[in-house]
């Protein structure tokens, strides 16, 4: 695994954590179920942070094969 690939994976992880924290601070969240709803609705509107990392990882694996 290249350094660039690892950096992209770590960035996706950090972006996911940040997204969860941001959703948790929302005024709309008052329970775990509401947190789940807010996170899922946000993910429906935009691409997940991990999708870019997975795409990059798939391309890197193809190069090795």
C-alpha atoms as a PDB file:
ATOM      1  CA  UNK A   1       0.000   0.000   0.000  1.00  0.00           C
ATOM      2  CA  UNK A   2       1.413   3.352  -0.986  1.00  0.00           C
ATOM      3  CA  UNK A   3       1.796   6.302   1.358  1.00  0.00           C
ATOM      4  CA  UNK A   4      -0.689   8.250  -0.735  1.00  0.00           C
ATOM      5  CA  UNK A   5      -3.283   5.504  -0.411  1.00  0.00           C
ATOM      6  CA  UNK A   6      -2.790   5.309   3.358  1.00  0.00           C
ATOM      7  CA  UNK A   7      -3.150   9.092   3.628  1.00  0.00           C
ATOM      8  CA  UNK A   8      -6.424   8.977   1.719  1.00  0.00           C
ATOM      9  CA  UNK A   9      -7.729   6.200   3.983  1.00  0.00           C
ATOM     10  CA  UNK A  10      -6.811   8.106   7.148  1.00  0.00           C
ATOM     11  CA  UNK A  11      -8.387  11.266   5.734  1.00  0.00           C
ATOM     12  CA  UNK A  12     -11.610   9.380   4.986  1.00  0.00           C
ATOM     13  CA  UNK A  13     -11.646   7.997   8.537  1.00  0.00           C
ATOM     14  CA  UNK A  14     -11.141  11.444  10.018  1.00  0.00           C
ATOM     15  CA  UNK A  15     -13.819  12.936   7.773  1.00  0.00           C
ATOM     16  CA  UNK A  16     -16.261  10.242   8.889  1.00  0.00           C
ATOM     17  CA  UNK A  17     -15.533  10.950  12.551  1.00  0.00           C
ATOM     18  CA  UNK A  18     -15.955  14.675  11.932  1.00  0.00           C
ATOM     19  CA  UNK A  19     -19.275  14.089  10.163  1.00  0.00           C
ATOM     20  CA  UNK A  20     -20.570  12.074  13.131  1.00  0.00           C
ATOM     21  CA  UNK A  21     -19.420  14.718  15.617  1.00  0.00           C
ATOM     22  CA  UNK A  22     -21.014  17.484  13.568  1.00  0.00           C
ATOM     23  CA  UNK A  23     -24.296  15.582  13.361  1.00  0.00           C
ATOM     24  CA  UNK A  24     -24.209  14.968  17.098  1.00  0.00           C
ATOM     25  CA  UNK A  25     -23.922  18.708  17.784  1.00  0.00           C
ATOM     26  CA  UNK A  26     -26.970  19.453  15.649  1.00  0.00           C
ATOM     27  CA  UNK A  27     -30.041  20.811  17.383  1.00  0.00           C
ATOM     28  CA  UNK A  28     -32.094  18.166  15.588  1.00  0.00           C
ATOM     29  CA  UNK A  29     -30.415  15.386  17.591  1.00  0.00           C
ATOM     30  CA  UNK A  30     -31.908  14.486  20.944  1.00  0.00           C
ATOM     31  CA  UNK A  31     -31.498  10.691  20.921  1.00  0.00           C
ATOM     32  CA  UNK A  32     -29.421   7.933  19.351  1.00  0.00           C
ATOM     33  CA  UNK A  33     -32.202   7.188  16.879  1.00  0.00           C
ATOM     34  CA  UNK A  34     -32.326  10.817  15.790  1.00  0.00           C
ATOM     35  CA  UNK A  35     -28.521  10.853  15.426  1.00  0.00           C
ATOM     36  CA  UNK A  36     -28.779   7.827  13.145  1.00  0.00           C
ATOM     37  CA  UNK A  37     -31.464   9.540  11.063  1.00  0.00           C
ATOM     38  CA  UNK A  38     -29.439  12.745  10.718  1.00  0.00           C
ATOM     39  CA  UNK A  39     -26.286  10.867   9.678  1.00  0.00           C
ATOM     40  CA  UNK A  40     -28.131   8.703   7.164  1.00  0.00           C
ATOM     41  CA  UNK A  41     -29.972  11.666   5.651  1.00  0.00           C
ATOM     42  CA  UNK A  42     -26.668  13.530   5.284  1.00  0.00           C
ATOM     43  CA  UNK A  43     -25.129  10.502   3.570  1.00  0.00           C
ATOM     44  CA  UNK A  44     -28.050  10.272   1.160  1.00  0.00           C
ATOM     45  CA  UNK A  45     -27.376  13.839   0.002  1.00  0.00           C
ATOM     46  CA  UNK A  46     -23.654  13.510  -0.663  1.00  0.00           C
ATOM     47  CA  UNK A  47     -20.956  10.919  -1.238  1.00  0.00           C
ATOM     48  CA  UNK A  48     -19.508   9.184   1.789  1.00  0.00           C
ATOM     49  CA  UNK A  49     -15.958  10.036   2.808  1.00  0.00           C
ATOM     50  CA  UNK A  50     -14.999   6.403   2.400  1.00  0.00           C
ATOM     51  CA  UNK A  51     -16.177   6.179  -1.225  1.00  0.00           C
ATOM     52  CA  UNK A  52     -13.167   8.136  -2.512  1.00  0.00           C
ATOM     53  CA  UNK A  53     -10.813   6.059  -0.374  1.00  0.00           C
ATOM     54  CA  UNK A  54     -12.351   2.801  -1.601  1.00  0.00           C
ATOM     55  CA  UNK A  55     -12.099   3.931  -5.207  1.00  0.00           C
ATOM     56  CA  UNK A  56      -8.434   4.836  -4.785  1.00  0.00           C
ATOM     57  CA  UNK A  57      -7.717   1.551  -3.004  1.00  0.00           C
ATOM     58  CA  UNK A  58      -9.415  -0.470  -5.754  1.00  0.00           C
ATOM     59  CA  UNK A  59      -7.332   1.286  -8.405  1.00  0.00           C
ATOM     60  CA  UNK A  60      -4.153   0.664  -6.458  1.00  0.00           C
ATOM     61  CA  UNK A  61      -4.943  -3.050  -6.063  1.00  0.00           C
ATOM     62  CA  UNK A  62      -5.626  -3.302  -9.817  1.00  0.00           C
ATOM     63  CA  UNK A  63      -2.126  -1.984 -10.459  1.00  0.00           C
ATOM     64  CA  UNK A  64      -0.622  -4.788  -8.377  1.00  0.00           C
ATOM     65  CA  UNK A  65      -2.597  -7.492 -10.166  1.00  0.00           C
END
